[in-house]
Amino acid sequence: TEQDSLLRLALNHATWTVQDVGQTVHRWAGTAAIRRGPIDRFLR
């Protein structure tokens, strides 16, 4: 149970951390982020 709990916490942390990184990329990408392409797909 401890191992499962820690694994679930690690997954949650990784998911939301990557989302935060993606939001930073979106801000820095400027208008490239609003066009269809790799950045748009990664953000979705």
PDB file of all heavy atoms in Angstrom:
ATOM      1  N   THR A   1       0.831  -1.205   0.000  1.00  0.00           N
ATOM      2  CA  THR A   1       0.000   0.000   0.000  1.00  0.00           C
ATOM      3  C   THR A   1       0.864   1.252   0.000  1.00  0.00           C
ATOM      4  O   THR A   1       0.559   2.221  -0.697  1.00  0.00           O
ATOM      5  CB  THR A   1      -0.956   0.005   1.212  1.00  0.00           C
ATOM      6  OG1 THR A   1      -1.726  -1.195   1.193  1.00  0.00           O
ATOM      7  CG2 THR A   1      -1.877   1.201   1.183  1.00  0.00           C
ATOM      8  N   GLU A   2       1.950   1.215   0.745  1.00  0.00           N
ATOM      9  CA  GLU A   2       2.850   2.367   0.759  1.00  0.00           C
ATOM     10  C   GLU A   2       3.466   2.572  -0.628  1.00  0.00           C
ATOM     11  O   GLU A   2       3.498   3.696  -1.146  1.00  0.00           O
ATOM     12  CB  GLU A   2       3.962   2.168   1.784  1.00  0.00           C
ATOM     13  CG  GLU A   2       4.930   3.332   1.851  1.00  0.00           C
ATOM     14  CD  GLU A   2       6.021   3.128   2.887  1.00  0.00           C
ATOM     15  OE1 GLU A   2       6.197   2.012   3.394  1.00  0.00           O
ATOM     16  OE2 GLU A   2       6.717   4.116   3.170  1.00  0.00           O
ATOM     17  N   GLN A   3       3.922   1.492  -1.227  1.00  0.00           N
ATOM     18  CA  GLN A   3       4.518   1.584  -2.557  1.00  0.00           C
ATOM     19  C   GLN A   3       3.495   2.078  -3.578  1.00  0.00           C
ATOM     20  O   GLN A   3       3.798   2.946  -4.393  1.00  0.00           O
ATOM     21  CB  GLN A   3       5.064   0.230  -2.976  1.00  0.00           C
ATOM     22  CG  GLN A   3       5.840   0.274  -4.264  1.00  0.00           C
ATOM     23  CD  GLN A   3       6.516  -1.051  -4.556  1.00  0.00           C
ATOM     24  OE1 GLN A   3       6.343  -2.034  -3.856  1.00  0.00           O
ATOM     25  NE2 GLN A   3       7.307  -1.067  -5.607  1.00  0.00           N
ATOM     26  N   ASP A   4       2.278   1.549  -3.529  1.00  0.00           N
ATOM     27  CA  ASP A   4       1.225   2.001  -4.441  1.00  0.00           C
ATOM     28  C   ASP A   4       0.901   3.473  -4.235  1.00  0.00           C
ATOM     29  O   ASP A   4       0.703   4.219  -5.193  1.00  0.00           O
ATOM     30  CB  ASP A   4      -0.042   1.167  -4.271  1.00  0.00           C
ATOM     31  CG  ASP A   4       0.090  -0.229  -4.841  1.00  0.00           C
ATOM     32  OD1 ASP A   4       1.050  -0.502  -5.589  1.00  0.00           O
ATOM     33  OD2 ASP A   4      -0.784  -1.071  -4.527  1.00  0.00           O
ATOM     34  N   SER A   5       0.836   3.901  -2.983  1.00  0.00           N
ATOM     35  CA  SER A   5       0.533   5.302  -2.688  1.00  0.00           C
ATOM     36  C   SER A   5       1.620   6.223  -3.212  1.00  0.00           C
ATOM     37  O   SER A   5       1.331   7.256  -3.833  1.00  0.00           O
ATOM     38  CB  SER A   5       0.366   5.512  -1.178  1.00  0.00           C
ATOM     39  OG  SER A   5      -0.726   4.773  -0.696  1.00  0.00           O
ATOM     40  N   LEU A   6       2.877   5.852  -2.977  1.00  0.00           N
ATOM     41  CA  LEU A   6       3.988   6.675  -3.446  1.00  0.00           C
ATOM     42  C   LEU A   6       4.056   6.703  -4.968  1.00  0.00           C
ATOM     43  O   LEU A   6       4.368   7.746  -5.563  1.00  0.00           O
ATOM     44  CB  LEU A   6       5.301   6.176  -2.848  1.00  0.00           C
ATOM     45  CG  LEU A   6       5.429   6.344  -1.335  1.00  0.00           C
ATOM     46  CD1 LEU A   6       6.731   5.715  -0.840  1.00  0.00           C
ATOM     47  CD2 LEU A   6       5.334   7.794  -0.919  1.00  0.00           C
ATOM     48  N   LEU A   7       3.744   5.591  -5.602  1.00  0.00           N
ATOM     49  CA  LEU A   7       3.719   5.550  -7.061  1.00  0.00           C
ATOM     50  C   LEU A   7       2.635   6.469  -7.611  1.00  0.00           C
ATOM     51  O   LEU A   7       2.858   7.215  -8.563  1.00  0.00           O
ATOM     52  CB  LEU A   7       3.481   4.118  -7.543  1.00  0.00           C
ATOM     53  CG  LEU A   7       3.431   3.915  -9.048  1.00  0.00           C
ATOM     54  CD1 LEU A   7       4.789   4.183  -9.665  1.00  0.00           C
ATOM     55  CD2 LEU A   7       2.993   2.500  -9.349  1.00  0.00           C
ATOM     56  N   ARG A   8       1.462   6.449  -6.997  1.00  0.00           N
ATOM     57  CA  ARG A   8       0.365   7.315  -7.436  1.00  0.00           C
ATOM     58  C   ARG A   8       0.717   8.790  -7.218  1.00  0.00           C
ATOM     59  O   ARG A   8       0.397   9.645  -8.050  1.00  0.00           O
ATOM     60  CB  ARG A   8      -0.920   6.956  -6.711  1.00  0.00           C
ATOM     61  CG  ARG A   8      -1.506   5.620  -7.146  1.00  0.00           C
ATOM     62  CD  ARG A   8      -2.592   5.175  -6.201  1.00  0.00           C
ATOM     63  NE  ARG A   8      -3.219   3.901  -6.289  1.00  0.00           N
ATOM     64  CZ  ARG A   8      -3.167   2.952  -7.191  1.00  0.00           C
ATOM     65  NH1 ARG A   8      -2.446   3.082  -8.245  1.00  0.00           N
ATOM     66  NH2 ARG A   8      -3.829   1.818  -7.094  1.00  0.00           N
ATOM     67  N   LEU A   9       1.383   9.082  -6.109  1.00  0.00           N
ATOM     68  CA  LEU A   9       1.821  10.462  -5.872  1.00  0.00           C
ATOM     69  C   LEU A   9       2.855  10.908  -6.905  1.00  0.00           C
ATOM     70  O   LEU A   9       2.809  12.043  -7.399  1.00  0.00           O
ATOM     71  CB  LEU A   9       2.417  10.606  -4.471  1.00  0.00           C
ATOM     72  CG  LEU A   9       1.425  10.685  -3.326  1.00  0.00           C
ATOM     73  CD1 LEU A   9       2.177  10.668  -1.995  1.00  0.00           C
ATOM     74  CD2 LEU A   9       0.564  11.922  -3.427  1.00  0.00           C
ATOM     75  N   ALA A  10       3.781  10.016  -7.234  1.00  0.00           N
ATOM     76  CA  ALA A  10       4.799  10.358  -8.233  1.00  0.00           C
ATOM     77  C   ALA A  10       4.156  10.608  -9.593  1.00  0.00           C
ATOM     78  O   ALA A  10       4.521  11.555 -10.293  1.00  0.00           O
ATOM     79  CB  ALA A  10       5.827   9.229  -8.328  1.00  0.00           C
ATOM     80  N   LEU A  11       3.186   9.767  -9.962  1.00  0.00           N
ATOM     81  CA  LEU A  11       2.486   9.952 -11.229  1.00  0.00           C
ATOM     82  C   LEU A  11       1.738  11.282 -11.251  1.00  0.00           C
ATOM     83  O   LEU A  11       1.798  12.037 -12.222  1.00  0.00           O
ATOM     84  CB  LEU A  11       1.517   8.804 -11.482  1.00  0.00           C
ATOM     85  CG  LEU A  11       0.618   8.929 -12.709  1.00  0.00           C
ATOM     86  CD1 LEU A  11       1.455   8.990 -13.983  1.00  0.00           C
ATOM     87  CD2 LEU A  11      -0.353   7.758 -12.762  1.00  0.00           C
ATOM     88  N   ASN A  12       1.050  11.596 -10.160  1.00  0.00           N
ATOM     89  CA  ASN A  12       0.314  12.854 -10.070  1.00  0.00           C
ATOM     90  C   ASN A  12       1.269  14.035 -10.168  1.00  0.00           C
ATOM     91  O   ASN A  12       1.028  14.986 -10.914  1.00  0.00           O
ATOM     92  CB  ASN A  12      -0.475  12.892  -8.757  1.00  0.00           C
ATOM     93  CG  ASN A  12      -1.342  14.119  -8.644  1.00  0.00           C
ATOM     94  OD1 ASN A  12      -0.853  15.200  -8.367  1.00  0.00           O
ATOM     95  ND2 ASN A  12      -2.622  13.951  -8.857  1.00  0.00           N
ATOM     96  N   HIS A  13       2.359  13.960  -9.441  1.00  0.00           N
ATOM     97  CA  HIS A  13       3.334  15.055  -9.454  1.00  0.00           C
ATOM     98  C   HIS A  13       3.929  15.241 -10.853  1.00  0.00           C
ATOM     99  O   HIS A  13       4.032  16.374 -11.353  1.00  0.00           O
ATOM    100  CB  HIS A  13       4.441  14.794  -8.437  1.00  0.00           C
ATOM    101  CG  HIS A  13       5.498  15.836  -8.426  1.00  0.00           C
ATOM    102  ND1 HIS A  13       5.277  17.111  -7.968  1.00  0.00           N
ATOM    103  CD2 HIS A  13       6.781  15.804  -8.847  1.00  0.00           C
ATOM    104  CE1 HIS A  13       6.389  17.819  -8.088  1.00  0.00           C
ATOM    105  NE2 HIS A  13       7.304  17.044  -8.628  1.00  0.00           N
ATOM    106  N   ALA A  14       4.317  14.144 -11.492  1.00  0.00           N
ATOM    107  CA  ALA A  14       4.899  14.234 -12.834  1.00  0.00           C
ATOM    108  C   ALA A  14       3.900  14.825 -13.830  1.00  0.00           C
ATOM    109  O   ALA A  14       4.253  15.690 -14.641  1.00  0.00           O
ATOM    110  CB  ALA A  14       5.358  12.856 -13.300  1.00  0.00           C
ATOM    111  N   THR A  15       2.658  14.378 -13.759  1.00  0.00           N
ATOM    112  CA  THR A  15       1.629  14.862 -14.679  1.00  0.00           C
ATOM    113  C   THR A  15       1.435  16.363 -14.549  1.00  0.00           C
ATOM    114  O   THR A  15       1.429  17.099 -15.544  1.00  0.00           O
ATOM    115  CB  THR A  15       0.295  14.138 -14.431  1.00  0.00           C
ATOM    116  OG1 THR A  15       0.494  12.742 -14.635  1.00  0.00           O
ATOM    117  CG2 THR A  15      -0.804  14.646 -15.347  1.00  0.00           C
ATOM    118  N   TRP A  16       1.268  16.838 -13.330  1.00  0.00           N
ATOM    119  CA  TRP A  16       1.004  18.261 -13.133  1.00  0.00           C
ATOM    120  C   TRP A  16       2.248  19.115 -13.331  1.00  0.00           C
ATOM    121  O   TRP A  16       2.152  20.268 -13.768  1.00  0.00           O
ATOM    122  CB  TRP A  16       0.356  18.493 -11.764  1.00  0.00           C
ATOM    123  CG  TRP A  16      -1.060  18.023 -11.804  1.00  0.00           C
ATOM    124  CD1 TRP A  16      -1.548  16.823 -11.358  1.00  0.00           C
ATOM    125  CD2 TRP A  16      -2.167  18.710 -12.393  1.00  0.00           C
ATOM    126  NE1 TRP A  16      -2.892  16.730 -11.628  1.00  0.00           N
ATOM    127  CE2 TRP A  16      -3.303  17.880 -12.258  1.00  0.00           C
ATOM    128  CE3 TRP A  16      -2.319  19.933 -13.025  1.00  0.00           C
ATOM    129  CZ2 TRP A  16      -4.560  18.240 -12.725  1.00  0.00           C
ATOM    130  CZ3 TRP A  16      -3.573  20.300 -13.483  1.00  0.00           C
ATOM    131  CH2 TRP A  16      -4.684  19.455 -13.322  1.00  0.00           C
ATOM    132  N   THR A  17       3.437  18.572 -13.071  1.00  0.00           N
ATOM    133  CA  THR A  17       4.666  19.314 -13.330  1.00  0.00           C
ATOM    134  C   THR A  17       4.863  19.509 -14.825  1.00  0.00           C
ATOM    135  O   THR A  17       5.213  20.612 -15.290  1.00  0.00           O
ATOM    136  CB  THR A  17       5.878  18.592 -12.715  1.00  0.00           C
ATOM    137  OG1 THR A  17       5.677  18.506 -11.296  1.00  0.00           O
ATOM    138  CG2 THR A  17       7.172  19.329 -12.998  1.00  0.00           C
ATOM    139  N   VAL A  18       4.635  18.460 -15.601  1.00  0.00           N
ATOM    140  CA  VAL A  18       4.756  18.563 -17.051  1.00  0.00           C
ATOM    141  C   VAL A  18       3.720  19.543 -17.601  1.00  0.00           C
ATOM    142  O   VAL A  18       4.004  20.301 -18.532  1.00  0.00           O
ATOM    143  CB  VAL A  18       4.640  17.166 -17.709  1.00  0.00           C
ATOM    144  CG1 VAL A  18       4.515  17.260 -19.209  1.00  0.00           C
ATOM    145  CG2 VAL A  18       5.834  16.320 -17.337  1.00  0.00           C
ATOM    146  N   GLN A  19       2.524  19.549 -17.029  1.00  0.00           N
ATOM    147  CA  GLN A  19       1.500  20.515 -17.444  1.00  0.00           C
ATOM    148  C   GLN A  19       1.993  21.933 -17.195  1.00  0.00           C
ATOM    149  O   GLN A  19       1.827  22.814 -18.036  1.00  0.00           O
ATOM    150  CB  GLN A  19       0.188  20.255 -16.693  1.00  0.00           C
ATOM    151  CG  GLN A  19      -0.865  21.329 -16.852  1.00  0.00           C
ATOM    152  CD  GLN A  19      -1.444  21.421 -18.247  1.00  0.00           C
ATOM    153  OE1 GLN A  19      -1.212  20.589 -19.106  1.00  0.00           O
ATOM    154  NE2 GLN A  19      -2.211  22.460 -18.489  1.00  0.00           N
ATOM    155  N   ASP A  20       2.621  22.169 -16.049  1.00  0.00           N
ATOM    156  CA  ASP A  20       3.171  23.499 -15.751  1.00  0.00           C
ATOM    157  C   ASP A  20       4.266  23.890 -16.747  1.00  0.00           C
ATOM    158  O   ASP A  20       4.323  25.035 -17.199  1.00  0.00           O
ATOM    159  CB  ASP A  20       3.735  23.545 -14.329  1.00  0.00           C
ATOM    160  CG  ASP A  20       2.661  23.532 -13.258  1.00  0.00           C
ATOM    161  OD1 ASP A  20       1.478  23.786 -13.589  1.00  0.00           O
ATOM    162  OD2 ASP A  20       3.000  23.254 -12.089  1.00  0.00           O
ATOM    163  N   VAL A  21       5.119  22.945 -17.092  1.00  0.00           N
ATOM    164  CA  VAL A  21       6.162  23.213 -18.085  1.00  0.00           C
ATOM    165  C   VAL A  21       5.516  23.565 -19.422  1.00  0.00           C
ATOM    166  O   VAL A  21       5.942  24.500 -20.105  1.00  0.00           O
ATOM    167  CB  VAL A  21       7.108  22.002 -18.228  1.00  0.00           C
ATOM    168  CG1 VAL A  21       8.040  22.169 -19.421  1.00  0.00           C
ATOM    169  CG2 VAL A  21       7.909  21.791 -16.945  1.00  0.00           C
ATOM    170  N   GLY A  22       4.485  22.817 -19.790  1.00  0.00           N
ATOM    171  CA  GLY A  22       3.772  23.093 -21.038  1.00  0.00           C
ATOM    172  C   GLY A  22       3.162  24.485 -21.062  1.00  0.00           C
ATOM    173  O   GLY A  22       3.193  25.167 -22.096  1.00  0.00           O
ATOM    174  N   GLN A  23       2.633  24.912 -19.940  1.00  0.00           N
ATOM    175  CA  GLN A  23       2.067  26.264 -19.865  1.00  0.00           C
ATOM    176  C   GLN A  23       3.163  27.320 -20.040  1.00  0.00           C
ATOM    177  O   GLN A  23       2.935  28.358 -20.675  1.00  0.00           O
ATOM    178  CB  GLN A  23       1.336  26.465 -18.533  1.00  0.00           C
ATOM    179  CG  GLN A  23       0.071  25.647 -18.417  1.00  0.00           C
ATOM    180  CD  GLN A  23      -0.942  26.014 -19.484  1.00  0.00           C
ATOM    181  OE1 GLN A  23      -1.098  27.156 -19.877  1.00  0.00           O
ATOM    182  NE2 GLN A  23      -1.641  25.003 -19.990  1.00  0.00           N
ATOM    183  N   THR A  24       4.340  27.052 -19.503  1.00  0.00           N
ATOM    184  CA  THR A  24       5.452  27.978 -19.679  1.00  0.00           C
ATOM    185  C   THR A  24       5.871  28.035 -21.142  1.00  0.00           C
ATOM    186  O   THR A  24       6.100  29.120 -21.697  1.00  0.00           O
ATOM    187  CB  THR A  24       6.645  27.560 -18.793  1.00  0.00           C
ATOM    188  OG1 THR A  24       6.214  27.578 -17.431  1.00  0.00           O
ATOM    189  CG2 THR A  24       7.828  28.490 -18.969  1.00  0.00           C
ATOM    190  N   VAL A  25       5.952  26.875 -21.779  1.00  0.00           N
ATOM    191  CA  VAL A  25       6.280  26.835 -23.205  1.00  0.00           C
ATOM    192  C   VAL A  25       5.244  27.617 -24.002  1.00  0.00           C
ATOM    193  O   VAL A  25       5.582  28.374 -24.911  1.00  0.00           O
ATOM    194  CB  VAL A  25       6.380  25.377 -23.708  1.00  0.00           C
ATOM    195  CG1 VAL A  25       6.442  25.311 -25.226  1.00  0.00           C
ATOM    196  CG2 VAL A  25       7.579  24.682 -23.085  1.00  0.00           C
ATOM    197  N   HIS A  26       3.988  27.454 -23.645  1.00  0.00           N
ATOM    198  CA  HIS A  26       2.904  28.165 -24.339  1.00  0.00           C
ATOM    199  C   HIS A  26       3.102  29.670 -24.232  1.00  0.00           C
ATOM    200  O   HIS A  26       2.965  30.406 -25.214  1.00  0.00           O
ATOM    201  CB  HIS A  26       1.558  27.745 -23.749  1.00  0.00           C
ATOM    202  CG  HIS A  26       0.395  28.377 -24.422  1.00  0.00           C
ATOM    203  ND1 HIS A  26      -0.225  29.505 -23.923  1.00  0.00           N
ATOM    204  CD2 HIS A  26      -0.269  28.044 -25.545  1.00  0.00           C
ATOM    205  CE1 HIS A  26      -1.221  29.838 -24.714  1.00  0.00           C
ATOM    206  NE2 HIS A  26      -1.267  28.968 -25.714  1.00  0.00           N
ATOM    207  N   ARG A  27       3.431  30.155 -23.039  1.00  0.00           N
ATOM    208  CA  ARG A  27       3.651  31.597 -22.859  1.00  0.00           C
ATOM    209  C   ARG A  27       4.844  32.083 -23.675  1.00  0.00           C
ATOM    210  O   ARG A  27       4.815  33.160 -24.248  1.00  0.00           O
ATOM    211  CB  ARG A  27       3.860  31.916 -21.376  1.00  0.00           C
ATOM    212  CG  ARG A  27       2.577  31.965 -20.582  1.00  0.00           C
ATOM    213  CD  ARG A  27       2.792  32.576 -19.207  1.00  0.00           C
ATOM    214  NE  ARG A  27       3.784  31.879 -18.412  1.00  0.00           N
ATOM    215  CZ  ARG A  27       3.537  30.822 -17.649  1.00  0.00           C
ATOM    216  NH1 ARG A  27       2.318  30.322 -17.580  1.00  0.00           N
ATOM    217  NH2 ARG A  27       4.491  30.255 -16.942  1.00  0.00           N
ATOM    218  N   TRP A  28       5.915  31.314 -23.700  1.00  0.00           N
ATOM    219  CA  TRP A  28       7.133  31.727 -24.398  1.00  0.00           C
ATOM    220  C   TRP A  28       7.022  31.557 -25.910  1.00  0.00           C
ATOM    221  O   TRP A  28       7.790  32.178 -26.653  1.00  0.00           O
ATOM    222  CB  TRP A  28       8.330  30.941 -23.897  1.00  0.00           C
ATOM    223  CG  TRP A  28       8.737  31.273 -22.491  1.00  0.00           C
ATOM    224  CD1 TRP A  28       8.267  32.279 -21.707  1.00  0.00           C
ATOM    225  CD2 TRP A  28       9.692  30.578 -21.707  1.00  0.00           C
ATOM    226  NE1 TRP A  28       8.865  32.249 -20.475  1.00  0.00           N
ATOM    227  CE2 TRP A  28       9.755  31.210 -20.440  1.00  0.00           C
ATOM    228  CE3 TRP A  28      10.491  29.480 -21.920  1.00  0.00           C
ATOM    229  CZ2 TRP A  28      10.594  30.788 -19.432  1.00  0.00           C
ATOM    230  CZ3 TRP A  28      11.328  29.057 -20.906  1.00  0.00           C
ATOM    231  CH2 TRP A  28      11.378  29.712 -19.678  1.00  0.00           C
ATOM    232  N   ALA A  29       6.125  30.721 -26.382  1.00  0.00           N
ATOM    233  CA  ALA A  29       6.032  30.422 -27.816  1.00  0.00           C
ATOM    234  C   ALA A  29       5.398  31.549 -28.610  1.00  0.00           C
ATOM    235  O   ALA A  29       5.473  31.564 -29.841  1.00  0.00           O
ATOM    236  CB  ALA A  29       5.252  29.128 -28.032  1.00  0.00           C
ATOM    237  N   GLY A  30       4.736  32.445 -27.945  1.00  0.00           N
ATOM    238  CA  GLY A  30       4.094  33.550 -28.652  1.00  0.00           C
ATOM    239  C   GLY A  30       3.005  33.053 -29.589  1.00  0.00           C
ATOM    240  O   GLY A  30       2.267  32.122 -29.263  1.00  0.00           O
ATOM    241  N   THR A  31       2.928  33.626 -30.765  1.00  0.00           N
ATOM    242  CA  THR A  31       1.845  33.253 -31.689  1.00  0.00           C
ATOM    243  C   THR A  31       2.021  31.863 -32.280  1.00  0.00           C
ATOM    244  O   THR A  31       1.065  31.300 -32.806  1.00  0.00           O
ATOM    245  CB  THR A  31       1.726  34.281 -32.831  1.00  0.00           C
ATOM    246  OG1 THR A  31       2.968  34.343 -33.528  1.00  0.00           O
ATOM    247  CG2 THR A  31       1.341  35.647 -32.292  1.00  0.00           C
ATOM    248  N   ALA A  32       3.221  31.295 -32.193  1.00  0.00           N
ATOM    249  CA  ALA A  32       3.424  29.919 -32.691  1.00  0.00           C
ATOM    250  C   ALA A  32       2.543  28.931 -31.935  1.00  0.00           C
ATOM    251  O   ALA A  32       2.158  27.891 -32.477  1.00  0.00           O
ATOM    252  CB  ALA A  32       4.888  29.519 -32.566  1.00  0.00           C
ATOM    253  N   ALA A  33       2.191  29.259 -30.716  1.00  0.00           N
ATOM    254  CA  ALA A  33       1.384  28.350 -29.902  1.00  0.00           C
ATOM    255  C   ALA A  33      -0.082  28.313 -30.321  1.00  0.00           C
ATOM    256  O   ALA A  33      -0.808  27.398 -29.951  1.00  0.00           O
ATOM    257  CB  ALA A  33       1.475  28.752 -28.431  1.00  0.00           C
ATOM    258  N   ILE A  34      -0.518  29.292 -31.106  1.00  0.00           N
ATOM    259  CA  ILE A  34      -1.933  29.303 -31.487  1.00  0.00           C
ATOM    260  C   ILE A  34      -2.171  28.669 -32.856  1.00  0.00           C
ATOM    261  O   ILE A  34      -3.310  28.549 -33.285  1.00  0.00           O
ATOM    262  CB  ILE A  34      -2.515  30.735 -31.461  1.00  0.00           C
ATOM    263  CG1 ILE A  34      -1.814  31.630 -32.476  1.00  0.00           C
ATOM    264  CG2 ILE A  34      -2.449  31.302 -30.050  1.00  0.00           C
ATOM    265  CD1 ILE A  34      -2.443  33.007 -32.613  1.00  0.00           C
ATOM    266  N   ARG A  35      -1.092  28.246 -33.511  1.00  0.00           N
ATOM    267  CA  ARG A  35      -1.229  27.608 -34.818  1.00  0.00           C
ATOM    268  C   ARG A  35      -1.168  26.089 -34.677  1.00  0.00           C
ATOM    269  O   ARG A  35      -0.559  25.576 -33.754  1.00  0.00           O
ATOM    270  CB  ARG A  35      -0.106  28.076 -35.736  1.00  0.00           C
ATOM    271  CG  ARG A  35      -0.213  29.547 -36.070  1.00  0.00           C
ATOM    272  CD  ARG A  35       0.856  29.944 -37.076  1.00  0.00           C
ATOM    273  NE  ARG A  35       0.763  31.353 -37.381  1.00  0.00           N
ATOM    274  CZ  ARG A  35       1.353  32.305 -36.676  1.00  0.00           C
ATOM    275  NH1 ARG A  35       2.077  32.008 -35.626  1.00  0.00           N
ATOM    276  NH2 ARG A  35       1.212  33.575 -37.014  1.00  0.00           N
ATOM    277  N   ARG A  36      -1.768  25.388 -35.621  1.00  0.00           N
ATOM    278  CA  ARG A  36      -1.662  23.930 -35.633  1.00  0.00           C
ATOM    279  C   ARG A  36      -0.204  23.541 -35.836  1.00  0.00           C
ATOM    280  O   ARG A  36       0.478  24.080 -36.684  1.00  0.00           O
ATOM    281  CB  ARG A  36      -2.505  23.335 -36.750  1.00  0.00           C
ATOM    282  CG  ARG A  36      -3.976  23.349 -36.458  1.00  0.00           C
ATOM    283  CD  ARG A  36      -4.605  22.135 -37.148  1.00  0.00           C
ATOM    284  NE  ARG A  36      -6.012  21.987 -36.867  1.00  0.00           N
ATOM    285  CZ  ARG A  36      -6.502  21.477 -35.743  1.00  0.00           C
ATOM    286  NH1 ARG A  36      -5.709  21.107 -34.788  1.00  0.00           N
ATOM    287  NH2 ARG A  36      -7.791  21.348 -35.587  1.00  0.00           N
ATOM    288  N   GLY A  37       0.245  22.607 -35.036  1.00  0.00           N
ATOM    289  CA  GLY A  37       1.625  22.153 -35.140  1.00  0.00           C
ATOM    290  C   GLY A  37       2.036  21.411 -33.887  1.00  0.00           C
ATOM    291  O   GLY A  37       1.197  21.062 -33.043  1.00  0.00           O
ATOM    292  N   PRO A  38       3.311  21.171 -33.724  1.00  0.00           N
ATOM    293  CA  PRO A  38       3.786  20.372 -32.595  1.00  0.00           C
ATOM    294  C   PRO A  38       3.445  20.968 -31.226  1.00  0.00           C
ATOM    295  O   PRO A  38       3.043  20.248 -30.321  1.00  0.00           O
ATOM    296  CB  PRO A  38       5.301  20.311 -32.789  1.00  0.00           C
ATOM    297  CG  PRO A  38       5.570  20.763 -34.169  1.00  0.00           C
ATOM    298  CD  PRO A  38       4.389  21.551 -34.627  1.00  0.00           C
ATOM    299  N   ILE A  39       3.608  22.280 -31.081  1.00  0.00           N
ATOM    300  CA  ILE A  39       3.320  22.897 -29.774  1.00  0.00           C
ATOM    301  C   ILE A  39       1.842  22.746 -29.444  1.00  0.00           C
ATOM    302  O   ILE A  39       1.482  22.365 -28.318  1.00  0.00           O
ATOM    303  CB  ILE A  39       3.745  24.382 -29.747  1.00  0.00           C
ATOM    304  CG1 ILE A  39       5.265  24.482 -29.870  1.00  0.00           C
ATOM    305  CG2 ILE A  39       3.260  25.059 -28.464  1.00  0.00           C
ATOM    306  CD1 ILE A  39       5.786  25.900 -29.986  1.00  0.00           C
ATOM    307  N   ASP A  40       0.978  23.002 -30.403  1.00  0.00           N
ATOM    308  CA  ASP A  40      -0.463  22.849 -30.199  1.00  0.00           C
ATOM    309  C   ASP A  40      -0.802  21.418 -29.796  1.00  0.00           C
ATOM    310  O   ASP A  40      -1.544  21.180 -28.850  1.00  0.00           O
ATOM    311  CB  ASP A  40      -1.200  23.244 -31.482  1.00  0.00           C
ATOM    312  CG  ASP A  40      -2.685  22.992 -31.414  1.00  0.00           C
ATOM    313  OD1 ASP A  40      -3.331  23.504 -30.478  1.00  0.00           O
ATOM    314  OD2 ASP A  40      -3.195  22.264 -32.293  1.00  0.00           O
ATOM    315  N   ARG A  41      -0.231  20.452 -30.498  1.00  0.00           N
ATOM    316  CA  ARG A  41      -0.509  19.050 -30.207  1.00  0.00           C
ATOM    317  C   ARG A  41      -0.006  18.659 -28.809  1.00  0.00           C
ATOM    318  O   ARG A  41      -0.694  18.000 -28.033  1.00  0.00           O
ATOM    319  CB  ARG A  41       0.129  18.147 -31.270  1.00  0.00           C
ATOM    320  CG  ARG A  41      -0.277  16.694 -31.116  1.00  0.00           C
ATOM    321  CD  ARG A  41       0.318  15.792 -32.191  1.00  0.00           C
ATOM    322  NE  ARG A  41       1.769  15.663 -32.006  1.00  0.00           N
ATOM    323  CZ  ARG A  41       2.692  16.149 -32.831  1.00  0.00           C
ATOM    324  NH1 ARG A  41       2.344  16.805 -33.924  1.00  0.00           N
ATOM    325  NH2 ARG A  41       3.978  15.990 -32.591  1.00  0.00           N
ATOM    326  N   PHE A  42       1.208  19.079 -28.465  1.00  0.00           N
ATOM    327  CA  PHE A  42       1.763  18.757 -27.149  1.00  0.00           C
ATOM    328  C   PHE A  42       0.920  19.368 -26.031  1.00  0.00           C
ATOM    329  O   PHE A  42       0.679  18.723 -25.001  1.00  0.00           O
ATOM    330  CB  PHE A  42       3.209  19.238 -27.030  1.00  0.00           C
ATOM    331  CG  PHE A  42       4.168  18.516 -27.938  1.00  0.00           C
ATOM    332  CD1 PHE A  42       5.206  19.196 -28.528  1.00  0.00           C
ATOM    333  CD2 PHE A  42       4.028  17.160 -28.215  1.00  0.00           C
ATOM    334  CE1 PHE A  42       6.097  18.544 -29.369  1.00  0.00           C
ATOM    335  CE2 PHE A  42       4.913  16.496 -29.058  1.00  0.00           C
ATOM    336  CZ  PHE A  42       5.948  17.194 -29.635  1.00  0.00           C
ATOM    337  N   LEU A  43       0.466  20.599 -26.234  1.00  0.00           N
ATOM    338  CA  LEU A  43      -0.358  21.237 -25.202  1.00  0.00           C
ATOM    339  C   LEU A  43      -1.679  20.500 -25.007  1.00  0.00           C
ATOM    340  O   LEU A  43      -2.148  20.330 -23.883  1.00  0.00           O
ATOM    341  CB  LEU A  43      -0.598  22.703 -25.545  1.00  0.00           C
ATOM    342  CG  LEU A  43       0.620  23.611 -25.422  1.00  0.00           C
ATOM    343  CD1 LEU A  43       0.308  24.983 -25.972  1.00  0.00           C
ATOM    344  CD2 LEU A  43       1.083  23.693 -23.982  1.00  0.00           C
ATOM    345  N   ARG A  44      -2.276  20.052 -26.114  1.00  0.00           N
ATOM    346  CA  ARG A  44      -3.514  19.273 -25.996  1.00  0.00           C
ATOM    347  C   ARG A  44      -3.264  17.952 -25.277  1.00  0.00           C
ATOM    348  O   ARG A  44      -4.040  17.534 -24.426  1.00  0.00           O
ATOM    349  CB  ARG A  44      -4.134  19.018 -27.371  1.00  0.00           C
ATOM    350  CG  ARG A  44      -4.875  20.228 -27.908  1.00  0.00           C
ATOM    351  CD  ARG A  44      -5.584  19.931 -29.224  1.00  0.00           C
ATOM    352  NE  ARG A  44      -4.580  19.973 -30.299  1.00  0.00           N
ATOM    353  CZ  ARG A  44      -4.348  18.993 -31.158  1.00  0.00           C
ATOM    354  NH1 ARG A  44      -5.040  17.880 -31.116  1.00  0.00           N
ATOM    355  NH2 ARG A  44      -3.427  19.132 -32.091  1.00  0.00           N
TER     356      ARG A  44
END
